[in-house]
Amino acid sequence: MANPIAPAAASPAASQTIRQQARTSVRMSTYSTMAPSLTPTTDSAGAEISDIEKGLDRMENKALSKQRVVLSEEKWANMSKLALGAKLERALDRRMSSQDAVMRPRTNSSIKNKPKSVPLIVQEKA
């Protein structure tokens, strides 16, 4: 039985054209004709970054930078522990200072008024 899409006496080029027309999806090429540009961009991002860098350089105080202390690992660890302890102490002070509850010893009346637990009775199946 002959193929209804391609006639039997068709040339190879004609049959390839018919197969491409019968295809439902579009084939995209992975080859790109666009080459990367080697010319410098006219984008203003580079100029903006250099402006920001110049502004930061002006804001930096050179005299204060010389006075800056660089701690050793051991001293840095000790300072971190002290800072954490101080932060925790401040948080606990805030938490405890706003509490209104007053701790009092329990009285016998509050213990007597509690309902006693009733033991469960387990029935056995006979």
PDB file of N, CA and C in Angstrom:
ATOM      1  N   MET A   1       0.857  -1.171   0.000  1.00  0.00           N
ATOM      2  CA  MET A   1       0.000   0.000   0.000  1.00  0.00           C
ATOM      3  C   MET A   1       0.899   1.229   0.000  1.00  0.00           C
ATOM      4  N   ALA A   2       0.569   2.210  -0.790  1.00  0.00           N
ATOM      5  CA  ALA A   2       1.400   3.400  -0.951  1.00  0.00           C
ATOM      6  C   ALA A   2       1.109   4.398   0.154  1.00  0.00           C
ATOM      7  N   ASN A   3       2.118   5.208   0.503  1.00  0.00           N
ATOM      8  CA  ASN A   3       1.993   6.244   1.534  1.00  0.00           C
ATOM      9  C   ASN A   3       1.138   7.375   0.975  1.00  0.00           C
ATOM     10  N   PRO A   4       0.030   7.753   1.647  1.00  0.00           N
ATOM     11  CA  PRO A   4      -0.827   8.810   1.099  1.00  0.00           C
ATOM     12  C   PRO A   4      -0.180  10.190   1.183  1.00  0.00           C
ATOM     13  N   ILE A   5       0.798  10.383   2.077  1.00  0.00           N
ATOM     14  CA  ILE A   5       1.422  11.701   2.214  1.00  0.00           C
ATOM     15  C   ILE A   5       2.427  11.932   1.096  1.00  0.00           C
ATOM     16  N   ALA A   6       3.251  10.922   0.779  1.00  0.00           N
ATOM     17  CA  ALA A   6       4.282  11.075  -0.242  1.00  0.00           C
ATOM     18  C   ALA A   6       3.961  10.192  -1.437  1.00  0.00           C
ATOM     19  N   PRO A   7       3.852  10.774  -2.638  1.00  0.00           N
ATOM     20  CA  PRO A   7       3.609   9.944  -3.821  1.00  0.00           C
ATOM     21  C   PRO A   7       4.818   9.052  -4.098  1.00  0.00           C
ATOM     22  N   ALA A   8       4.580   7.935  -4.745  1.00  0.00           N
ATOM     23  CA  ALA A   8       5.624   6.946  -4.978  1.00  0.00           C
ATOM     24  C   ALA A   8       6.706   7.464  -5.903  1.00  0.00           C
ATOM     25  N   ALA A   9       6.382   8.324  -6.849  1.00  0.00           N
ATOM     26  CA  ALA A   9       7.347   8.796  -7.836  1.00  0.00           C
ATOM     27  C   ALA A   9       7.952  10.135  -7.447  1.00  0.00           C
ATOM     28  N   ALA A  10       7.865  10.545  -6.153  1.00  0.00           N
ATOM     29  CA  ALA A  10       8.362  11.862  -5.736  1.00  0.00           C
ATOM     30  C   ALA A  10       9.868  11.830  -5.589  1.00  0.00           C
ATOM     31  N   SER A  11      10.503  12.987  -5.800  1.00  0.00           N
ATOM     32  CA  SER A  11      11.947  13.102  -5.649  1.00  0.00           C
ATOM     33  C   SER A  11      12.303  13.165  -4.163  1.00  0.00           C
ATOM     34  N   PRO A  12      13.572  12.897  -3.758  1.00  0.00           N
ATOM     35  CA  PRO A  12      13.954  12.945  -2.336  1.00  0.00           C
ATOM     36  C   PRO A  12      13.745  14.326  -1.725  1.00  0.00           C
ATOM     37  N   ALA A  13      13.991  15.406  -2.456  1.00  0.00           N
ATOM     38  CA  ALA A  13      13.787  16.756  -1.922  1.00  0.00           C
ATOM     39  C   ALA A  13      12.319  17.016  -1.656  1.00  0.00           C
ATOM     40  N   ALA A  14      11.453  16.530  -2.527  1.00  0.00           N
ATOM     41  CA  ALA A  14      10.017  16.732  -2.356  1.00  0.00           C
ATOM     42  C   ALA A  14       9.514  15.952  -1.150  1.00  0.00           C
ATOM     43  N   SER A  15      10.017  14.731  -0.940  1.00  0.00           N
ATOM     44  CA  SER A  15       9.564  13.936   0.203  1.00  0.00           C
ATOM     45  C   SER A  15      10.037  14.548   1.522  1.00  0.00           C
ATOM     46  N   GLN A  16      11.225  15.165   1.516  1.00  0.00           N
ATOM     47  CA  GLN A  16      11.715  15.833   2.727  1.00  0.00           C
ATOM     48  C   GLN A  16      10.844  17.039   3.055  1.00  0.00           C
ATOM     49  N   THR A  17      10.415  17.788   2.058  1.00  0.00           N
ATOM     50  CA  THR A  17       9.540  18.939   2.271  1.00  0.00           C
ATOM     51  C   THR A  17       8.208  18.486   2.842  1.00  0.00           C
ATOM     52  N   ILE A  18       7.697  17.377   2.338  1.00  0.00           N
ATOM     53  CA  ILE A  18       6.417  16.870   2.828  1.00  0.00           C
ATOM     54  C   ILE A  18       6.561  16.422   4.281  1.00  0.00           C
ATOM     55  N   ARG A  19       7.691  15.771   4.642  1.00  0.00           N
ATOM     56  CA  ARG A  19       7.904  15.353   6.027  1.00  0.00           C
ATOM     57  C   ARG A  19       8.006  16.557   6.961  1.00  0.00           C
ATOM     58  N   GLN A  20       8.626  17.630   6.515  1.00  0.00           N
ATOM     59  CA  GLN A  20       8.741  18.829   7.352  1.00  0.00           C
ATOM     60  C   GLN A  20       7.384  19.473   7.564  1.00  0.00           C
ATOM     61  N   GLN A  21       6.518  19.415   6.552  1.00  0.00           N
ATOM     62  CA  GLN A  21       5.188  19.995   6.690  1.00  0.00           C
ATOM     63  C   GLN A  21       4.332  19.162   7.637  1.00  0.00           C
ATOM     64  N   ALA A  22       4.538  17.866   7.672  1.00  0.00           N
ATOM     65  CA  ALA A  22       3.759  16.991   8.541  1.00  0.00           C
ATOM     66  C   ALA A  22       4.193  17.103   9.996  1.00  0.00           C
ATOM     67  N   ARG A  23       5.330  17.699  10.257  1.00  0.00           N
ATOM     68  CA  ARG A  23       5.855  17.835  11.614  1.00  0.00           C
ATOM     69  C   ARG A  23       4.998  18.829  12.399  1.00  0.00           C
ATOM     70  N   THR A  24       4.658  18.503  13.664  1.00  0.00           N
ATOM     71  CA  THR A  24       3.800  19.377  14.461  1.00  0.00           C
ATOM     72  C   THR A  24       4.585  20.381  15.282  1.00  0.00           C
ATOM     73  N   SER A  25       5.844  20.084  15.594  1.00  0.00           N
ATOM     74  CA  SER A  25       6.628  21.003  16.403  1.00  0.00           C
ATOM     75  C   SER A  25       7.580  21.793  15.524  1.00  0.00           C
ATOM     76  N   VAL A  26       8.000  22.932  16.041  1.00  0.00           N
ATOM     77  CA  VAL A  26       8.932  23.781  15.319  1.00  0.00           C
ATOM     78  C   VAL A  26      10.322  23.493  15.845  1.00  0.00           C
ATOM     79  N   ARG A  27      11.258  23.270  14.966  1.00  0.00           N
ATOM     80  CA  ARG A  27      12.627  22.969  15.376  1.00  0.00           C
ATOM     81  C   ARG A  27      13.409  24.267  15.469  1.00  0.00           C
ATOM     82  N   MET A  28      14.008  24.486  16.631  1.00  0.00           N
ATOM     83  CA  MET A  28      14.803  25.686  16.840  1.00  0.00           C
ATOM     84  C   MET A  28      16.274  25.326  16.718  1.00  0.00           C
ATOM     85  N   SER A  29      17.034  26.209  16.161  1.00  0.00           N
ATOM     86  CA  SER A  29      18.457  25.977  15.985  1.00  0.00           C
ATOM     87  C   SER A  29      19.195  26.336  17.263  1.00  0.00           C
ATOM     88  N   THR A  30      20.217  25.565  17.580  1.00  0.00           N
ATOM     89  CA  THR A  30      21.033  25.878  18.750  1.00  0.00           C
ATOM     90  C   THR A  30      22.209  26.755  18.381  1.00  0.00           C
ATOM     91  N   TYR A  31      22.385  27.017  17.108  1.00  0.00           N
ATOM     92  CA  TYR A  31      23.485  27.855  16.636  1.00  0.00           C
ATOM     93  C   TYR A  31      23.037  29.301  16.666  1.00  0.00           C
ATOM     94  N   SER A  32      23.813  30.145  17.272  1.00  0.00           N
ATOM     95  CA  SER A  32      23.476  31.557  17.354  1.00  0.00           C
ATOM     96  C   SER A  32      24.444  32.354  16.497  1.00  0.00           C
ATOM     97  N   THR A  33      23.905  33.311  15.756  1.00  0.00           N
ATOM     98  CA  THR A  33      24.756  34.150  14.911  1.00  0.00           C
ATOM     99  C   THR A  33      25.301  35.337  15.683  1.00  0.00           C
ATOM    100  N   MET A  34      24.819  35.536  16.899  1.00  0.00           N
ATOM    101  CA  MET A  34      25.284  36.678  17.684  1.00  0.00           C
ATOM    102  C   MET A  34      26.574  36.308  18.403  1.00  0.00           C
ATOM    103  N   ALA A  35      27.601  37.060  18.181  1.00  0.00           N
ATOM    104  CA  ALA A  35      28.889  36.835  18.830  1.00  0.00           C
ATOM    105  C   ALA A  35      29.016  37.772  20.021  1.00  0.00           C
ATOM    106  N   PRO A  36      29.765  37.396  21.050  1.00  0.00           N
ATOM    107  CA  PRO A  36      29.931  38.304  22.188  1.00  0.00           C
ATOM    108  C   PRO A  36      30.684  39.562  21.764  1.00  0.00           C
ATOM    109  N   SER A  37      30.259  40.647  22.325  1.00  0.00           N
ATOM    110  CA  SER A  37      30.856  41.927  21.969  1.00  0.00           C
ATOM    111  C   SER A  37      32.124  42.155  22.774  1.00  0.00           C
ATOM    112  N   LEU A  38      33.164  42.591  22.109  1.00  0.00           N
ATOM    113  CA  LEU A  38      34.419  42.893  22.787  1.00  0.00           C
ATOM    114  C   LEU A  38      34.575  44.385  23.031  1.00  0.00           C
ATOM    115  N   THR A  39      33.639  45.164  22.542  1.00  0.00           N
ATOM    116  CA  THR A  39      33.707  46.609  22.743  1.00  0.00           C
ATOM    117  C   THR A  39      33.168  46.945  24.115  1.00  0.00           C
ATOM    118  N   PRO A  40      33.681  47.975  24.757  1.00  0.00           N
ATOM    119  CA  PRO A  40      33.160  48.344  26.075  1.00  0.00           C
ATOM    120  C   PRO A  40      31.712  48.817  25.966  1.00  0.00           C
ATOM    121  N   THR A  41      30.944  48.470  26.968  1.00  0.00           N
ATOM    122  CA  THR A  41      29.528  48.824  26.947  1.00  0.00           C
ATOM    123  C   THR A  41      29.348  50.292  27.289  1.00  0.00           C
ATOM    124  N   THR A  42      28.255  50.824  26.824  1.00  0.00           N
ATOM    125  CA  THR A  42      27.917  52.211  27.141  1.00  0.00           C
ATOM    126  C   THR A  42      26.939  52.249  28.303  1.00  0.00           C
ATOM    127  N   ASP A  43      26.814  51.124  28.988  1.00  0.00           N
ATOM    128  CA  ASP A  43      25.901  51.034  30.118  1.00  0.00           C
ATOM    129  C   ASP A  43      26.384  51.944  31.246  1.00  0.00           C
ATOM    130  N   SER A  44      25.453  52.570  31.925  1.00  0.00           N
ATOM    131  CA  SER A  44      25.816  53.507  32.986  1.00  0.00           C
ATOM    132  C   SER A  44      26.104  52.804  34.310  1.00  0.00           C
ATOM    133  N   ALA A  45      25.954  51.483  34.373  1.00  0.00           N
ATOM    134  CA  ALA A  45      26.178  50.768  35.637  1.00  0.00           C
ATOM    135  C   ALA A  45      27.630  50.884  36.082  1.00  0.00           C
ATOM    136  N   GLY A  46      28.559  50.769  35.154  1.00  0.00           N
ATOM    137  CA  GLY A  46      29.976  50.888  35.515  1.00  0.00           C
ATOM    138  C   GLY A  46      30.312  52.258  36.045  1.00  0.00           C
ATOM    139  N   ALA A  47      29.763  53.281  35.408  1.00  0.00           N
ATOM    140  CA  ALA A  47      30.010  54.647  35.869  1.00  0.00           C
ATOM    141  C   ALA A  47      29.379  54.873  37.237  1.00  0.00           C
ATOM    142  N   GLU A  48      28.200  54.297  37.446  1.00  0.00           N
ATOM    143  CA  GLU A  48      27.516  54.461  38.732  1.00  0.00           C
ATOM    144  C   GLU A  48      28.292  53.778  39.857  1.00  0.00           C
ATOM    145  N   ILE A  49      28.832  52.612  39.570  1.00  0.00           N
ATOM    146  CA  ILE A  49      29.610  51.893  40.584  1.00  0.00           C
ATOM    147  C   ILE A  49      30.868  52.676  40.945  1.00  0.00           C
ATOM    148  N   SER A  50      31.527  53.238  39.942  1.00  0.00           N
ATOM    149  CA  SER A  50      32.742  54.013  40.246  1.00  0.00           C
ATOM    150  C   SER A  50      32.401  55.274  41.034  1.00  0.00           C
ATOM    151  N   ASP A  51      31.244  55.893  40.761  1.00  0.00           N
ATOM    152  CA  ASP A  51      30.818  57.057  41.550  1.00  0.00           C
ATOM    153  C   ASP A  51      30.587  56.674  43.008  1.00  0.00           C
ATOM    154  N   ILE A  52      29.958  55.532  43.229  1.00  0.00           N
ATOM    155  CA  ILE A  52      29.701  55.071  44.596  1.00  0.00           C
ATOM    156  C   ILE A  52      31.022  54.784  45.304  1.00  0.00           C
ATOM    157  N   GLU A  53      31.947  54.162  44.594  1.00  0.00           N
ATOM    158  CA  GLU A  53      33.249  53.847  45.186  1.00  0.00           C
ATOM    159  C   GLU A  53      34.002  55.116  45.580  1.00  0.00           C
ATOM    160  N   LYS A  54      33.949  56.127  44.730  1.00  0.00           N
ATOM    161  CA  LYS A  54      34.612  57.398  45.053  1.00  0.00           C
ATOM    162  C   LYS A  54      33.967  58.050  46.274  1.00  0.00           C
ATOM    163  N   GLY A  55      32.644  57.995  46.358  1.00  0.00           N
ATOM    164  CA  GLY A  55      31.940  58.557  47.508  1.00  0.00           C
ATOM    165  C   GLY A  55      32.301  57.851  48.797  1.00  0.00           C
ATOM    166  N   LEU A  56      32.416  56.525  48.750  1.00  0.00           N
ATOM    167  CA  LEU A  56      32.793  55.773  49.949  1.00  0.00           C
ATOM    168  C   LEU A  56      34.223  56.085  50.370  1.00  0.00           C
ATOM    169  N   ASP A  57      35.107  56.277  49.403  1.00  0.00           N
ATOM    170  CA  ASP A  57      36.493  56.642  49.729  1.00  0.00           C
ATOM    171  C   ASP A  57      36.554  57.999  50.419  1.00  0.00           C
ATOM    172  N   ARG A  58      35.720  58.925  49.986  1.00  0.00           N
ATOM    173  CA  ARG A  58      35.703  60.255  50.619  1.00  0.00           C
ATOM    174  C   ARG A  58      35.147  60.186  52.033  1.00  0.00           C
ATOM    175  N   MET A  59      34.162  59.293  52.254  1.00  0.00           N
ATOM    176  CA  MET A  59      33.534  59.202  53.573  1.00  0.00           C
ATOM    177  C   MET A  59      34.432  58.519  54.597  1.00  0.00           C
ATOM    178  N   GLU A  60      35.364  57.714  54.158  1.00  0.00           N
ATOM    179  CA  GLU A  60      36.229  56.989  55.089  1.00  0.00           C
ATOM    180  C   GLU A  60      37.189  57.958  55.772  1.00  0.00           C
ATOM    181  N   ASN A  61      37.227  57.871  57.083  1.00  0.00           N
ATOM    182  CA  ASN A  61      38.112  58.726  57.870  1.00  0.00           C
ATOM    183  C   ASN A  61      39.425  57.978  58.071  1.00  0.00           C
ATOM    184  N   LYS A  62      40.474  58.458  57.445  1.00  0.00           N
ATOM    185  CA  LYS A  62      41.767  57.765  57.470  1.00  0.00           C
ATOM    186  C   LYS A  62      42.359  57.713  58.881  1.00  0.00           C
ATOM    187  N   ALA A  63      42.182  58.789  59.657  1.00  0.00           N
ATOM    188  CA  ALA A  63      42.737  58.822  61.015  1.00  0.00           C
ATOM    189  C   ALA A  63      42.070  57.770  61.897  1.00  0.00           C
ATOM    190  N   LEU A  64      40.758  57.607  61.747  1.00  0.00           N
ATOM    191  CA  LEU A  64      40.060  56.601  62.551  1.00  0.00           C
ATOM    192  C   LEU A  64      40.408  55.186  62.097  1.00  0.00           C
ATOM    193  N   SER A  65      40.683  55.023  60.829  1.00  0.00           N
ATOM    194  CA  SER A  65      41.058  53.700  60.324  1.00  0.00           C
ATOM    195  C   SER A  65      42.374  53.237  60.923  1.00  0.00           C
ATOM    196  N   LYS A  66      43.278  54.164  61.187  1.00  0.00           N
ATOM    197  CA  LYS A  66      44.563  53.800  61.784  1.00  0.00           C
ATOM    198  C   LYS A  66      44.402  53.383  63.240  1.00  0.00           C
ATOM    199  N   GLN A  67      43.383  53.906  63.924  1.00  0.00           N
ATOM    200  CA  GLN A  67      43.170  53.595  65.337  1.00  0.00           C
ATOM    201  C   GLN A  67      42.395  52.294  65.539  1.00  0.00           C
ATOM    202  N   ARG A  68      41.862  51.736  64.485  1.00  0.00           N
ATOM    203  CA  ARG A  68      41.042  50.538  64.599  1.00  0.00           C
ATOM    204  C   ARG A  68      41.865  49.372  65.128  1.00  0.00           C
ATOM    205  N   VAL A  69      41.281  48.615  66.069  1.00  0.00           N
ATOM    206  CA  VAL A  69      41.972  47.500  66.716  1.00  0.00           C
ATOM    207  C   VAL A  69      41.599  46.203  66.006  1.00  0.00           C
ATOM    208  N   VAL A  70      42.582  45.385  65.754  1.00  0.00           N
ATOM    209  CA  VAL A  70      42.347  44.061  65.182  1.00  0.00           C
ATOM    210  C   VAL A  70      42.627  43.044  66.278  1.00  0.00           C
ATOM    211  N   LEU A  71      41.580  42.312  66.683  1.00  0.00           N
ATOM    212  CA  LEU A  71      41.693  41.365  67.786  1.00  0.00           C
ATOM    213  C   LEU A  71      42.184  40.013  67.293  1.00  0.00           C
ATOM    214  N   SER A  72      42.868  39.311  68.192  1.00  0.00           N
ATOM    215  CA  SER A  72      43.266  37.937  67.879  1.00  0.00           C
ATOM    216  C   SER A  72      42.034  37.043  68.015  1.00  0.00           C
ATOM    217  N   GLU A  73      42.151  35.803  67.566  1.00  0.00           N
ATOM    218  CA  GLU A  73      41.018  34.872  67.629  1.00  0.00           C
ATOM    219  C   GLU A  73      40.557  34.648  69.068  1.00  0.00           C
ATOM    220  N   GLU A  74      41.508  34.513  69.982  1.00  0.00           N
ATOM    221  CA  GLU A  74      41.169  34.259  71.387  1.00  0.00           C
ATOM    222  C   GLU A  74      40.443  35.457  71.994  1.00  0.00           C
ATOM    223  N   LYS A  75      40.972  36.660  71.745  1.00  0.00           N
ATOM    224  CA  LYS A  75      40.334  37.860  72.285  1.00  0.00           C
ATOM    225  C   LYS A  75      38.964  38.077  71.653  1.00  0.00           C
ATOM    226  N   TRP A  76      38.864  37.757  70.359  1.00  0.00           N
ATOM    227  CA  TRP A  76      37.579  37.923  69.682  1.00  0.00           C
ATOM    228  C   TRP A  76      36.545  36.970  70.285  1.00  0.00           C
ATOM    229  N   ALA A  77      36.944  35.733  70.595  1.00  0.00           N
ATOM    230  CA  ALA A  77      36.034  34.756  71.200  1.00  0.00           C
ATOM    231  C   ALA A  77      35.593  35.220  72.584  1.00  0.00           C
ATOM    232  N   ASN A  78      36.537  35.766  73.377  1.00  0.00           N
ATOM    233  CA  ASN A  78      36.179  36.265  74.710  1.00  0.00           C
ATOM    234  C   ASN A  78      35.219  37.439  74.614  1.00  0.00           C
ATOM    235  N   MET A  79      35.472  38.354  73.693  1.00  0.00           N
ATOM    236  CA  MET A  79      34.583  39.511  73.524  1.00  0.00           C
ATOM    237  C   MET A  79      33.192  39.063  73.080  1.00  0.00           C
ATOM    238  N   SER A  80      33.133  38.049  72.233  1.00  0.00           N
ATOM    239  CA  SER A  80      31.839  37.533  71.777  1.00  0.00           C
ATOM    240  C   SER A  80      31.053  36.940  72.935  1.00  0.00           C
ATOM    241  N   LYS A  81      31.743  36.192  73.805  1.00  0.00           N
ATOM    242  CA  LYS A  81      31.072  35.599  74.967  1.00  0.00           C
ATOM    243  C   LYS A  81      30.567  36.677  75.913  1.00  0.00           C
ATOM    244  N   LEU A  82      31.388  37.701  76.142  1.00  0.00           N
ATOM    245  CA  LEU A  82      30.957  38.792  77.017  1.00  0.00           C
ATOM    246  C   LEU A  82      29.763  39.530  76.435  1.00  0.00           C
ATOM    247  N   ALA A  83      29.794  39.775  75.145  1.00  0.00           N
ATOM    248  CA  ALA A  83      28.684  40.480  74.503  1.00  0.00           C
ATOM    249  C   ALA A  83      27.408  39.657  74.572  1.00  0.00           C
ATOM    250  N   LEU A  84      27.518  38.348  74.359  1.00  0.00           N
ATOM    251  CA  LEU A  84      26.348  37.483  74.441  1.00  0.00           C
ATOM    252  C   LEU A  84      25.799  37.451  75.859  1.00  0.00           C
ATOM    253  N   GLY A  85      26.687  37.377  76.858  1.00  0.00           N
ATOM    254  CA  GLY A  85      26.243  37.388  78.251  1.00  0.00           C
ATOM    255  C   GLY A  85      25.537  38.681  78.608  1.00  0.00           C
ATOM    256  N   ALA A  86      26.057  39.810  78.145  1.00  0.00           N
ATOM    257  CA  ALA A  86      25.422  41.097  78.431  1.00  0.00           C
ATOM    258  C   ALA A  86      24.060  41.185  77.760  1.00  0.00           C
ATOM    259  N   LYS A  87      23.966  40.683  76.538  1.00  0.00           N
ATOM    260  CA  LYS A  87      22.693  40.715  75.817  1.00  0.00           C
ATOM    261  C   LYS A  87      21.657  39.851  76.525  1.00  0.00           C
ATOM    262  N   LEU A  88      22.072  38.678  76.990  1.00  0.00           N
ATOM    263  CA  LEU A  88      21.174  37.775  77.703  1.00  0.00           C
ATOM    264  C   LEU A  88      20.720  38.381  79.024  1.00  0.00           C
ATOM    265  N   GLU A  89      21.639  39.022  79.728  1.00  0.00           N
ATOM    266  CA  GLU A  89      21.302  39.648  81.004  1.00  0.00           C
ATOM    267  C   GLU A  89      20.280  40.772  80.815  1.00  0.00           C
ATOM    268  N   ARG A  90      20.461  41.582  79.788  1.00  0.00           N
ATOM    269  CA  ARG A  90      19.496  42.659  79.518  1.00  0.00           C
ATOM    270  C   ARG A  90      18.125  42.092  79.182  1.00  0.00           C
ATOM    271  N   ALA A  91      18.095  41.012  78.397  1.00  0.00           N
ATOM    272  CA  ALA A  91      16.818  40.408  78.028  1.00  0.00           C
ATOM    273  C   ALA A  91      16.114  39.835  79.250  1.00  0.00           C
ATOM    274  N   LEU A  92      16.860  39.169  80.132  1.00  0.00           N
ATOM    275  CA  LEU A  92      16.248  38.613  81.336  1.00  0.00           C
ATOM    276  C   LEU A  92      15.772  39.711  82.277  1.00  0.00           C
ATOM    277  N   ASP A  93      16.521  40.806  82.383  1.00  0.00           N
ATOM    278  CA  ASP A  93      16.085  41.926  83.222  1.00  0.00           C
ATOM    279  C   ASP A  93      14.768  42.493  82.718  1.00  0.00           C
ATOM    280  N   ARG A  94      14.651  42.640  81.410  1.00  0.00           N
ATOM    281  CA  ARG A  94      13.394  43.158  80.850  1.00  0.00           C
ATOM    282  C   ARG A  94      12.255  42.195  81.115  1.00  0.00           C
ATOM    283  N   ARG A  95      12.537  40.907  80.979  1.00  0.00           N
ATOM    284  CA  ARG A  95      11.485  39.910  81.152  1.00  0.00           C
ATOM    285  C   ARG A  95      11.017  39.841  82.602  1.00  0.00           C
ATOM    286  N   MET A  96      11.955  39.851  83.531  1.00  0.00           N
ATOM    287  CA  MET A  96      11.591  39.701  84.933  1.00  0.00           C
ATOM    288  C   MET A  96      11.019  40.980  85.524  1.00  0.00           C
ATOM    289  N   SER A  97      11.389  42.129  85.017  1.00  0.00           N
ATOM    290  CA  SER A  97      10.916  43.379  85.615  1.00  0.00           C
ATOM    291  C   SER A  97       9.452  43.639  85.316  1.00  0.00           C
ATOM    292  N   SER A  98       8.916  43.082  84.240  1.00  0.00           N
ATOM    293  CA  SER A  98       7.527  43.369  83.887  1.00  0.00           C
ATOM    294  C   SER A  98       6.564  42.312  84.410  1.00  0.00           C
ATOM    295  N   GLN A  99       7.021  41.437  85.277  1.00  0.00           N
ATOM    296  CA  GLN A  99       6.139  40.400  85.796  1.00  0.00           C
ATOM    297  C   GLN A  99       5.487  40.878  87.089  1.00  0.00           C
ATOM    298  N   ASP A 100       4.187  40.603  87.203  1.00  0.00           N
ATOM    299  CA  ASP A 100       3.433  41.029  88.378  1.00  0.00           C
ATOM    300  C   ASP A 100       3.229  39.891  89.366  1.00  0.00           C
ATOM    301  N   ALA A 101       3.526  38.690  89.007  1.00  0.00           N
ATOM    302  CA  ALA A 101       3.255  37.549  89.871  1.00  0.00           C
ATOM    303  C   ALA A 101       4.174  37.567  91.087  1.00  0.00           C
ATOM    304  N   VAL A 102       3.598  37.189  92.228  1.00  0.00           N
ATOM    305  CA  VAL A 102       4.360  37.107  93.468  1.00  0.00           C
ATOM    306  C   VAL A 102       4.320  35.653  93.908  1.00  0.00           C
ATOM    307  N   MET A 103       5.465  35.097  94.181  1.00  0.00           N
ATOM    308  CA  MET A 103       5.519  33.702  94.598  1.00  0.00           C
ATOM    309  C   MET A 103       5.197  33.607  96.088  1.00  0.00           C
ATOM    310  N   ARG A 104       4.187  32.795  96.413  1.00  0.00           N
ATOM    311  CA  ARG A 104       3.788  32.586  97.806  1.00  0.00           C
ATOM    312  C   ARG A 104       3.767  31.086  98.069  1.00  0.00           C
ATOM    313  N   PRO A 105       4.012  30.704  99.328  1.00  0.00           N
ATOM    314  CA  PRO A 105       3.933  29.266  99.631  1.00  0.00           C
ATOM    315  C   PRO A 105       2.488  28.780  99.519  1.00  0.00           C
ATOM    316  N   ARG A 106       2.320  27.533  99.145  1.00  0.00           N
ATOM    317  CA  ARG A 106       0.979  26.972  98.999  1.00  0.00           C
ATOM    318  C   ARG A 106       0.343  26.769 100.368  1.00  0.00           C
ATOM    319  N   THR A 107      -0.941  27.005 100.431  1.00  0.00           N
ATOM    320  CA  THR A 107      -1.678  26.781 101.684  1.00  0.00           C
ATOM    321  C   THR A 107      -2.345  25.414 101.632  1.00  0.00           C
ATOM    322  N   ASN A 108      -2.771  24.936 102.804  1.00  0.00           N
ATOM    323  CA  ASN A 108      -3.415  23.626 102.879  1.00  0.00           C
ATOM    324  C   ASN A 108      -4.780  23.634 102.205  1.00  0.00           C
ATOM    325  N   SER A 109      -5.485  24.754 102.216  1.00  0.00           N
ATOM    326  CA  SER A 109      -6.825  24.801 101.634  1.00  0.00           C
ATOM    327  C   SER A 109      -6.772  24.599 100.116  1.00  0.00           C
ATOM    328  N   SER A 110      -5.756  25.105  99.476  1.00  0.00           N
ATOM    329  CA  SER A 110      -5.678  24.927  98.023  1.00  0.00           C
ATOM    330  C   SER A 110      -5.352  23.486  97.663  1.00  0.00           C
ATOM    331  N   ILE A 111      -4.675  22.790  98.572  1.00  0.00           N
ATOM    332  CA  ILE A 111      -4.357  21.389  98.323  1.00  0.00           C
ATOM    333  C   ILE A 111      -5.586  20.524  98.587  1.00  0.00           C
ATOM    334  N   LYS A 112      -6.388  20.844  99.621  1.00  0.00           N
ATOM    335  CA  LYS A 112      -7.565  20.050  99.972  1.00  0.00           C
ATOM    336  C   LYS A 112      -8.675  20.197  98.939  1.00  0.00           C
ATOM    337  N   ASN A 113      -8.787  21.329  98.298  1.00  0.00           N
ATOM    338  CA  ASN A 113      -9.881  21.560  97.355  1.00  0.00           C
ATOM    339  C   ASN A 113      -9.666  20.868  96.004  1.00  0.00           C
ATOM    340  N   LYS A 114      -8.502  20.349  95.766  1.00  0.00           N
ATOM    341  CA  LYS A 114      -8.251  19.672  94.499  1.00  0.00           C
ATOM    342  C   LYS A 114      -8.983  18.342  94.488  1.00  0.00           C
ATOM    343  N   PRO A 115      -9.617  18.001  93.371  1.00  0.00           N
ATOM    344  CA  PRO A 115     -10.286  16.695  93.303  1.00  0.00           C
ATOM    345  C   PRO A 115      -9.243  15.588  93.210  1.00  0.00           C
ATOM    346  N   LYS A 116      -9.554  14.516  93.910  1.00  0.00           N
ATOM    347  CA  LYS A 116      -8.639  13.383  93.889  1.00  0.00           C
ATOM    348  C   LYS A 116      -8.921  12.553  92.642  1.00  0.00           C
ATOM    349  N   SER A 117      -7.903  11.948  92.135  1.00  0.00           N
ATOM    350  CA  SER A 117      -8.093  11.129  90.940  1.00  0.00           C
ATOM    351  C   SER A 117      -8.783   9.828  91.326  1.00  0.00           C
ATOM    352  N   VAL A 118      -9.696   9.397  90.490  1.00  0.00           N
ATOM    353  CA  VAL A 118     -10.464   8.183  90.734  1.00  0.00           C
ATOM    354  C   VAL A 118      -9.786   7.050  89.973  1.00  0.00           C
ATOM    355  N   PRO A 119      -9.506   5.943  90.651  1.00  0.00           N
ATOM    356  CA  PRO A 119      -8.860   4.835  89.941  1.00  0.00           C
ATOM    357  C   PRO A 119      -9.819   4.207  88.938  1.00  0.00           C
ATOM    358  N   LEU A 120      -9.284   3.785  87.824  1.00  0.00           N
ATOM    359  CA  LEU A 120     -10.103   3.145  86.803  1.00  0.00           C
ATOM    360  C   LEU A 120     -10.359   1.695  87.183  1.00  0.00           C
ATOM    361  N   ILE A 121     -11.574   1.281  86.959  1.00  0.00           N
ATOM    362  CA  ILE A 121     -11.939  -0.110  87.242  1.00  0.00           C
ATOM    363  C   ILE A 121     -11.900  -0.857  85.921  1.00  0.00           C
ATOM    364  N   VAL A 122     -11.083  -1.858  85.871  1.00  0.00           N
ATOM    365  CA  VAL A 122     -10.944  -2.643  84.651  1.00  0.00           C
ATOM    366  C   VAL A 122     -11.783  -3.897  84.808  1.00  0.00           C
ATOM    367  N   GLN A 123     -12.717  -4.070  83.897  1.00  0.00           N
ATOM    368  CA  GLN A 123     -13.566  -5.256  83.942  1.00  0.00           C
ATOM    369  C   GLN A 123     -12.960  -6.333  83.057  1.00  0.00           C
ATOM    370  N   GLU A 124     -12.931  -7.522  83.610  1.00  0.00           N
ATOM    371  CA  GLU A 124     -12.397  -8.634  82.844  1.00  0.00           C
ATOM    372  C   GLU A 124     -13.524  -9.310  82.095  1.00  0.00           C
ATOM    373  N   LYS A 125     -13.199  -9.757  80.897  1.00  0.00           N
ATOM    374  CA  LYS A 125     -14.199 -10.480  80.111  1.00  0.00           C
ATOM    375  C   LYS A 125     -14.288 -11.912  80.630  1.00  0.00           C
ATOM    376  N   ALA A 126     -15.529 -12.361  80.815  1.00  0.00           N
ATOM    377  CA  ALA A 126     -15.709 -13.717  81.333  1.00  0.00           C
ATOM    378  C   ALA A 126     -15.817 -14.742  80.243  1.00  0.00           C
TER     379      ALA A 126
END
